[in-house]
Amino acid sequence: MEQHTPDVLAYLGRIYDRDSRTHACRANSPEEFATWQRDARPALRNLIGLDQIEESLGEHTPDIELGDSTDMGDYTRQSGILHSEPNVQVPFWLLHPKTAGPYPLGLFPHGHEERGMDTYVDIYPDEAKRQKIQNEDRDVAVQAVRRGYVAIAPTTRGFAPTNIPDINDRHGGRHCRSQLLHCLLGGRTAIGERVWDLERLLDWALSSLDINADRVLMMGNSGGGVATLYGSACDIRVTTAVPSCSFCTFIGRNGLVHHCDCNAVPGILRFGDFYDVAGLIAPRPLLTVNGNRDTLFPLSEVDRAVEGVRKVYQSAGTPEYYVHQYGDGGHRFYSDLMWPFIDRHLVGRQISAES
């Protein structure tokens, strides 16, 4: 496997020293775990810029504008816009079952795809895209609503139509990188903005729709899986989390960074590794899924991250609530692995998210 020179690896090992990570989970008991989590969650929220975003709102109160509704046979599909911040409009799709409530809720952030929210609700521009959606289980919001969920599929900030365009290809033509750089200059992060939007949608859904607050799912693929993991770590109202094809260490033993730069959080490895972030979801149910042929994430680094999360759940006293599975394929959803876990934990016994 390709890696950096010994000098570069020594330099990276020094600046990423695990012993210097202020909020790495080193707990060995439920009591130590609870103490760690109480300190680590607000520290993470501040690090990704959620406090800064809230302070910048001024007189603005986030609200929702709903648009036209379409009868899809066994459910309805309605457009919506979240006025997340002043001058920021985040489109989303709302799928609603025709059965009686209260309903479980599913939030489905998408990854690196323009109009990715359309993919999750099975809207496609051509036959090739339709087949890709079906072959790779990408219509997750439709899958959810047909299981009785109210499903919300929002646009991920940094992608059309919420992006800050990369004018003149200054950032390689990548709008998500343009978004990140503007965020960093303003003292916030792109992942923080994405989590902020998910939390505001959760505020609205729990206050305005007939939702069972004990059954709240967050699930996304790729960059949507990263948003799922951070969002669920920051907000205990999410009762079950399923990040897909996104879970790995931040940086491998070979010195290579695995995730897209728009997911970067300055100083995150002074906080902890990705498995420490994931540990903030404990003791709530967490399923991480990776494809065994996904070339973006080395399996050895996925396994190392999985072991890190398992240790956190063991310290919490709930090792049975964390599961990792490999799908036989690439960078996609694996519905046959995800829904049995979700059904078991959202339909069955619920544990307290308070910690």
Protein backbone atom coordinates (compact mmCIF):
# COMPACT_ATOMS: atom_id res chain seq x y z
CA MET A 1 0.00 0.00 0.00
CA GLU A 2 1.31 3.44 -0.93
CA GLN A 3 2.41 5.59 1.98
CA HIS A 4 4.45 8.66 2.90
CA THR A 5 8.18 8.76 3.50
CA PRO A 6 9.53 7.93 7.00
CA ASP A 7 10.15 11.62 7.71
CA VAL A 8 6.58 12.56 6.80
CA LEU A 9 5.18 9.67 8.85
CA ALA A 10 7.27 10.70 11.85
CA TYR A 11 6.04 14.29 11.52
CA LEU A 12 2.40 13.17 11.24
CA GLY A 13 2.80 10.80 14.18
CA ARG A 14 4.01 13.69 16.28
CA ILE A 15 1.26 16.18 15.41
CA TYR A 16 -1.46 13.52 15.59
CA ASP A 17 -0.20 11.99 18.84
CA ARG A 18 -3.07 10.11 20.50
CA ASP A 19 -1.77 10.92 23.96
CA SER A 20 -2.45 14.60 23.21
CA ARG A 21 -6.10 14.05 22.26
CA THR A 22 -8.08 15.86 24.90
CA HIS A 23 -11.35 13.98 24.46
CA ALA A 24 -10.27 10.52 23.36
CA CYS A 25 -12.38 8.05 25.31
CA ARG A 26 -10.21 6.28 27.88
CA ALA A 27 -13.12 5.15 30.06
CA ASN A 28 -13.12 1.69 31.65
CA SER A 29 -16.53 1.74 33.33
CA PRO A 30 -20.01 3.16 32.79
CA GLU A 31 -19.28 5.85 35.37
CA GLU A 32 -16.08 6.93 33.63
CA PHE A 33 -17.87 6.77 30.27
CA ALA A 34 -20.66 9.08 31.49
CA THR A 35 -18.13 11.61 32.76
CA TRP A 36 -16.21 11.53 29.47
CA GLN A 37 -19.36 11.94 27.39
CA ARG A 38 -20.68 14.90 29.40
CA ASP A 39 -17.44 16.77 28.69
CA ALA A 40 -16.83 15.57 25.13
CA ARG A 41 -20.20 16.32 23.52
CA PRO A 42 -20.24 20.11 24.16
CA ALA A 43 -16.56 20.24 23.20
CA LEU A 44 -17.35 18.60 19.85
CA ARG A 45 -20.32 20.91 19.22
CA ASN A 46 -18.08 23.90 19.80
CA LEU A 47 -15.26 22.48 17.67
CA ILE A 48 -17.44 22.01 14.58
CA GLY A 49 -18.87 25.52 14.96
CA LEU A 50 -22.42 24.94 16.18
CA ASP A 51 -22.04 27.51 18.96
CA GLN A 52 -20.69 30.05 16.48
CA ILE A 53 -23.58 29.43 14.06
CA GLU A 54 -26.15 29.96 16.81
CA GLU A 55 -24.47 33.17 17.93
CA SER A 56 -24.55 34.52 14.37
CA LEU A 57 -28.34 34.20 13.90
CA GLY A 58 -29.21 37.66 15.23
CA GLU A 59 -32.99 38.10 15.12
CA HIS A 60 -33.47 35.18 12.76
CA THR A 61 -35.56 32.21 13.87
CA PRO A 62 -35.21 29.11 11.67
CA ASP A 63 -38.51 28.12 10.11
CA ILE A 64 -40.06 25.87 7.47
CA GLU A 65 -41.92 26.70 4.26
CA LEU A 66 -43.84 23.79 2.75
CA GLY A 67 -44.66 23.58 -0.96
CA ASP A 68 -46.75 21.40 -3.20
CA SER A 69 -47.67 17.84 -2.25
CA THR A 70 -47.87 14.95 -4.71
CA ASP A 71 -49.86 11.75 -4.18
CA MET A 72 -47.46 8.84 -4.75
CA GLY A 73 -50.06 6.13 -4.17
CA ASP A 74 -49.14 4.70 -0.78
CA TYR A 75 -47.54 7.94 0.50
CA THR A 76 -47.29 11.64 -0.27
CA ARG A 77 -44.22 13.60 -1.35
CA GLN A 78 -44.02 17.29 -0.46
CA SER A 79 -41.36 19.88 -1.15
CA GLY A 80 -40.07 22.10 1.62
CA ILE A 81 -37.53 24.79 2.38
CA LEU A 82 -35.73 25.21 5.69
CA HIS A 83 -34.78 28.82 6.36
CA SER A 84 -31.82 27.67 8.39
CA GLU A 85 -29.96 30.97 8.79
CA PRO A 86 -30.39 34.47 7.40
CA ASN A 87 -30.04 34.21 3.61
CA VAL A 88 -29.73 30.42 3.73
CA GLN A 89 -32.47 28.26 2.24
CA VAL A 90 -32.16 24.47 2.42
CA PRO A 91 -34.60 22.53 0.22
CA PHE A 92 -35.85 19.13 1.36
CA TRP A 93 -38.36 16.44 0.52
CA LEU A 94 -40.96 15.32 3.05
CA LEU A 95 -42.44 11.87 2.54
CA HIS A 96 -45.49 11.05 4.64
CA PRO A 97 -47.25 7.68 4.97
CA LYS A 98 -51.01 7.40 4.65
CA THR A 99 -51.30 5.26 7.77
CA ALA A 100 -52.19 6.62 11.21
CA GLY A 101 -49.56 8.11 13.53
CA PRO A 102 -47.65 8.69 15.65
CA TYR A 103 -44.85 7.87 13.23
CA PRO A 104 -41.19 7.04 13.52
CA LEU A 105 -39.03 9.72 11.90
CA GLY A 106 -36.17 9.24 9.47
CA LEU A 107 -33.64 11.95 8.53
CA PHE A 108 -31.57 11.08 5.46
CA PRO A 109 -28.64 13.39 4.63
CA HIS A 110 -26.97 12.68 1.29
CA GLY A 111 -23.34 12.73 0.26
CA HIS A 112 -21.35 14.07 -2.70
CA GLU A 113 -24.05 14.44 -5.31
CA GLU A 114 -25.76 17.46 -6.77
CA ARG A 115 -29.48 17.23 -5.99
CA GLY A 116 -28.71 14.19 -3.88
CA MET A 117 -31.99 14.62 -2.02
CA ASP A 118 -33.74 13.63 -5.27
CA THR A 119 -31.90 10.32 -5.36
CA TYR A 120 -33.13 9.40 -1.88
CA VAL A 121 -36.76 9.91 -2.94
CA ASP A 122 -36.32 8.06 -6.27
CA ILE A 123 -36.35 11.07 -8.58
CA TYR A 124 -34.01 10.52 -11.51
CA PRO A 125 -33.12 12.33 -14.76
CA ASP A 126 -32.68 9.25 -16.95
CA GLU A 127 -32.88 5.48 -17.11
CA ALA A 128 -29.25 4.96 -16.11
CA LYS A 129 -29.77 6.88 -12.87
CA ARG A 130 -33.00 5.02 -12.19
CA GLN A 131 -31.19 1.70 -12.45
CA LYS A 132 -28.34 2.91 -10.23
CA ILE A 133 -30.82 3.97 -7.55
CA GLN A 134 -32.55 0.61 -7.63
CA ASN A 135 -29.41 -1.53 -7.91
CA GLU A 136 -27.68 0.24 -5.00
CA ASP A 137 -30.67 0.73 -2.65
CA ARG A 138 -30.28 4.53 -2.83
CA ASP A 139 -34.00 5.40 -2.49
CA VAL A 140 -33.75 5.13 1.30
CA ALA A 141 -36.40 7.76 2.06
CA VAL A 142 -38.92 5.82 -0.04
CA GLN A 143 -37.91 2.59 1.70
CA ALA A 144 -38.54 4.34 5.02
CA VAL A 145 -41.93 5.83 4.22
CA ARG A 146 -43.12 2.44 3.00
CA ARG A 147 -42.15 1.09 6.41
CA GLY A 148 -44.36 3.71 8.08
CA TYR A 149 -41.80 6.46 8.67
CA VAL A 150 -42.14 10.15 8.09
CA ALA A 151 -39.01 10.62 5.98
CA ILE A 152 -37.09 13.87 5.43
CA ALA A 153 -34.43 14.03 2.72
CA PRO A 154 -32.67 17.41 2.86
CA THR A 155 -30.10 18.97 0.59
CA THR A 156 -26.63 18.75 2.09
CA ARG A 157 -25.01 22.16 2.29
CA GLY A 158 -22.17 22.52 -0.16
CA PHE A 159 -24.14 20.89 -2.98
CA ALA A 160 -26.66 22.40 -5.37
CA PRO A 161 -28.76 24.34 -4.78
CA THR A 162 -27.24 25.35 -1.40
CA ASN A 163 -23.61 25.59 -2.46
CA ILE A 164 -21.26 28.54 -2.70
CA PRO A 165 -20.20 28.01 -6.33
CA ASP A 166 -16.53 27.57 -7.16
CA ILE A 167 -16.35 30.57 -9.46
CA ASN A 168 -13.45 30.42 -11.94
CA ASP A 169 -12.54 26.89 -10.77
CA ARG A 170 -10.47 28.36 -7.98
CA HIS A 171 -10.99 25.19 -5.92
CA GLY A 172 -10.78 22.59 -8.67
CA GLY A 173 -14.41 23.02 -9.65
CA ARG A 174 -15.56 21.46 -6.37
CA HIS A 175 -18.35 23.46 -4.79
CA CYS A 176 -18.09 21.52 -1.50
CA ARG A 177 -14.46 22.66 -1.17
CA SER A 178 -15.52 26.24 -1.86
CA GLN A 179 -18.12 25.87 0.90
CA LEU A 180 -15.51 24.53 3.29
CA LEU A 181 -13.02 27.33 2.71
CA HIS A 182 -15.62 30.02 3.26
CA CYS A 183 -16.71 28.24 6.45
CA LEU A 184 -13.17 28.03 7.76
CA LEU A 185 -12.56 31.70 7.12
CA GLY A 186 -15.69 32.46 9.14
CA GLY A 187 -14.73 30.27 12.11
CA ARG A 188 -17.13 27.42 11.35
CA THR A 189 -17.04 24.13 9.43
CA ALA A 190 -19.04 22.63 6.58
CA ILE A 191 -19.91 19.59 8.69
CA GLY A 192 -21.10 21.94 11.42
CA GLU A 193 -23.46 23.65 8.97
CA ARG A 194 -24.80 20.27 7.89
CA VAL A 195 -25.41 19.19 11.47
CA TRP A 196 -27.06 22.54 12.21
CA ASP A 197 -29.53 22.00 9.35
CA LEU A 198 -30.34 18.46 10.50
CA GLU A 199 -31.00 19.68 14.03
CA ARG A 200 -33.33 22.43 12.80
CA LEU A 201 -35.29 19.91 10.73
CA LEU A 202 -35.50 17.71 13.81
CA ASP A 203 -36.78 20.68 15.85
CA TRP A 204 -39.56 21.24 13.34
CA ALA A 205 -40.53 17.61 12.85
CA LEU A 206 -40.79 16.88 16.57
CA SER A 207 -42.82 20.02 17.26
CA SER A 208 -45.08 20.12 14.18
CA LEU A 209 -45.60 16.53 12.99
CA ASP A 210 -47.13 13.50 14.72
CA ILE A 211 -43.79 11.89 15.55
CA ASN A 212 -42.89 9.30 18.17
CA ALA A 213 -39.83 10.98 19.69
CA ASP A 214 -38.52 7.60 20.92
CA ARG A 215 -38.12 6.40 17.33
CA VAL A 216 -35.85 8.78 15.43
CA LEU A 217 -33.51 7.39 12.79
CA MET A 218 -30.64 9.16 11.02
CA MET A 219 -29.06 7.40 8.05
CA GLY A 220 -26.93 8.52 5.12
CA ASN A 221 -24.31 7.26 2.70
CA SER A 222 -20.79 8.60 2.09
CA GLY A 223 -20.72 12.27 3.11
CA GLY A 224 -24.28 11.73 4.33
CA GLY A 225 -22.90 9.03 6.59
CA VAL A 226 -20.36 11.47 8.01
CA ALA A 227 -23.17 13.97 8.65
CA THR A 228 -25.17 11.15 10.24
CA LEU A 229 -22.34 10.26 12.59
CA TYR A 230 -21.62 13.84 13.67
CA GLY A 231 -25.31 14.70 13.88
CA SER A 232 -26.12 11.69 16.03
CA ALA A 233 -23.07 12.32 18.24
CA CYS A 234 -24.14 15.92 18.84
CA ASP A 235 -27.90 15.42 19.26
CA ILE A 236 -29.26 12.77 21.63
CA ARG A 237 -32.73 13.09 20.11
CA VAL A 238 -31.50 10.73 17.39
CA THR A 239 -32.28 7.31 18.85
CA THR A 240 -30.69 5.08 16.18
CA ALA A 241 -27.88 5.96 13.76
CA VAL A 242 -26.77 4.16 10.58
CA PRO A 243 -23.85 5.78 8.73
CA SER A 244 -23.12 3.93 5.48
CA CYS A 245 -19.82 3.72 3.58
CA SER A 246 -18.28 6.55 5.56
CA PHE A 247 -16.81 5.02 8.70
CA CYS A 248 -13.04 4.77 9.01
CA THR A 249 -10.20 6.36 10.94
CA PHE A 250 -9.49 9.99 10.08
CA ILE A 251 -5.96 9.13 8.97
CA GLY A 252 -4.39 5.75 8.30
CA ARG A 253 -1.17 4.29 9.64
CA ASN A 254 0.26 5.04 6.20
CA GLY A 255 -0.43 8.74 6.73
CA LEU A 256 -3.23 9.00 4.15
CA VAL A 257 -6.45 10.91 4.88
CA HIS A 258 -9.58 8.95 3.96
CA HIS A 259 -12.47 11.44 3.93
CA CYS A 260 -13.27 14.29 1.55
CA ASP A 261 -11.74 17.59 2.60
CA CYS A 262 -15.19 19.21 2.97
CA ASN A 263 -15.64 16.95 6.03
CA ALA A 264 -12.48 18.29 7.65
CA VAL A 265 -12.69 19.81 11.13
CA PRO A 266 -9.64 21.86 12.19
CA GLY A 267 -8.10 20.31 15.28
CA ILE A 268 -10.29 17.21 15.29
CA LEU A 269 -7.31 14.95 16.00
CA ARG A 270 -6.56 17.08 19.05
CA PHE A 271 -10.08 16.09 20.16
CA GLY A 272 -10.00 12.39 19.26
CA ASP A 273 -10.38 9.99 16.34
CA PHE A 274 -13.52 9.23 14.36
CA TYR A 275 -14.34 6.37 16.73
CA ASP A 276 -14.31 8.82 19.64
CA VAL A 277 -16.86 10.96 17.80
CA ALA A 278 -18.91 7.81 17.15
CA GLY A 279 -18.64 6.90 20.82
CA LEU A 280 -20.77 9.91 21.69
CA ILE A 281 -23.71 8.03 20.17
CA ALA A 282 -23.47 5.38 22.90
CA PRO A 283 -25.49 3.94 24.54
CA ARG A 284 -27.90 4.46 21.64
CA PRO A 285 -27.98 1.84 18.86
CA LEU A 286 -25.35 2.40 16.16
CA LEU A 287 -24.79 0.35 13.00
CA THR A 288 -21.82 1.18 10.80
CA VAL A 289 -21.83 -0.38 7.33
CA ASN A 290 -19.00 -0.47 4.80
CA GLY A 291 -18.65 -2.11 1.41
CA ASN A 292 -15.92 -4.73 1.28
CA ARG A 293 -14.98 -3.46 -2.19
CA ASP A 294 -15.21 0.25 -1.42
CA THR A 295 -11.83 1.58 -2.52
CA LEU A 296 -12.22 4.84 -0.56
CA PHE A 297 -11.69 3.17 2.82
CA PRO A 298 -8.97 0.58 3.51
CA LEU A 299 -10.52 -2.37 5.32
CA SER A 300 -7.68 -2.47 7.87
CA GLU A 301 -8.45 1.13 8.86
CA VAL A 302 -12.19 0.44 8.97
CA ASP A 303 -11.49 -2.48 11.28
CA ARG A 304 -9.28 -0.30 13.50
CA ALA A 305 -12.06 2.29 13.79
CA VAL A 306 -14.64 -0.43 14.53
CA GLU A 307 -12.48 -1.76 17.37
CA GLY A 308 -12.28 1.75 18.79
CA VAL A 309 -16.06 2.12 18.87
CA ARG A 310 -16.49 -1.32 20.39
CA LYS A 311 -14.25 -0.32 23.28
CA VAL A 312 -16.35 2.79 23.91
CA TYR A 313 -19.61 0.81 23.90
CA GLN A 314 -18.04 -1.74 26.22
CA SER A 315 -17.10 1.03 28.64
CA ALA A 316 -20.69 2.30 28.45
CA GLY A 317 -21.92 -1.14 29.45
CA THR A 318 -23.91 -1.62 26.21
CA PRO A 319 -21.68 -3.53 23.76
CA GLU A 320 -24.74 -5.15 22.15
CA TYR A 321 -25.91 -1.79 20.81
CA TYR A 322 -22.99 -1.37 18.43
CA VAL A 323 -22.75 -3.48 15.27
CA HIS A 324 -20.54 -3.22 12.21
CA GLN A 325 -21.25 -5.08 8.99
CA TYR A 326 -19.63 -5.35 5.59
CA GLY A 327 -21.77 -5.38 2.48
CA ASP A 328 -20.57 -7.38 -0.50
CA GLY A 329 -19.89 -4.50 -2.86
CA GLY A 330 -18.77 -0.92 -3.19
CA HIS A 331 -19.76 2.59 -2.13
CA ARG A 332 -23.52 2.24 -1.71
CA PHE A 333 -26.40 1.46 0.65
CA TYR A 334 -27.05 -2.11 1.80
CA SER A 335 -30.72 -2.27 2.73
CA ASP A 336 -30.60 -5.98 3.59
CA LEU A 337 -28.11 -5.19 6.35
CA MET A 338 -29.55 -1.89 7.56
CA TRP A 339 -33.26 -2.42 7.98
CA PRO A 340 -33.13 -5.55 10.18
CA PHE A 341 -30.93 -3.63 12.66
CA ILE A 342 -33.18 -0.56 12.47
CA ASP A 343 -36.35 -2.61 12.89
CA ARG A 344 -34.88 -4.42 15.88
CA HIS A 345 -33.98 -1.24 17.72
CA LEU A 346 -36.67 1.24 16.65
CA VAL A 347 -39.58 -1.17 16.86
CA GLY A 348 -38.29 -3.19 19.80
CA ARG A 349 -36.97 -2.23 23.21
CA GLN A 350 -35.84 1.37 23.59
CA ILE A 351 -33.00 2.53 25.83
CA SER A 352 -32.54 5.95 27.31
CA ALA A 353 -30.47 8.38 25.26
CA GLU A 354 -29.74 10.45 28.34
CA SER A 355 -26.07 10.32 29.18
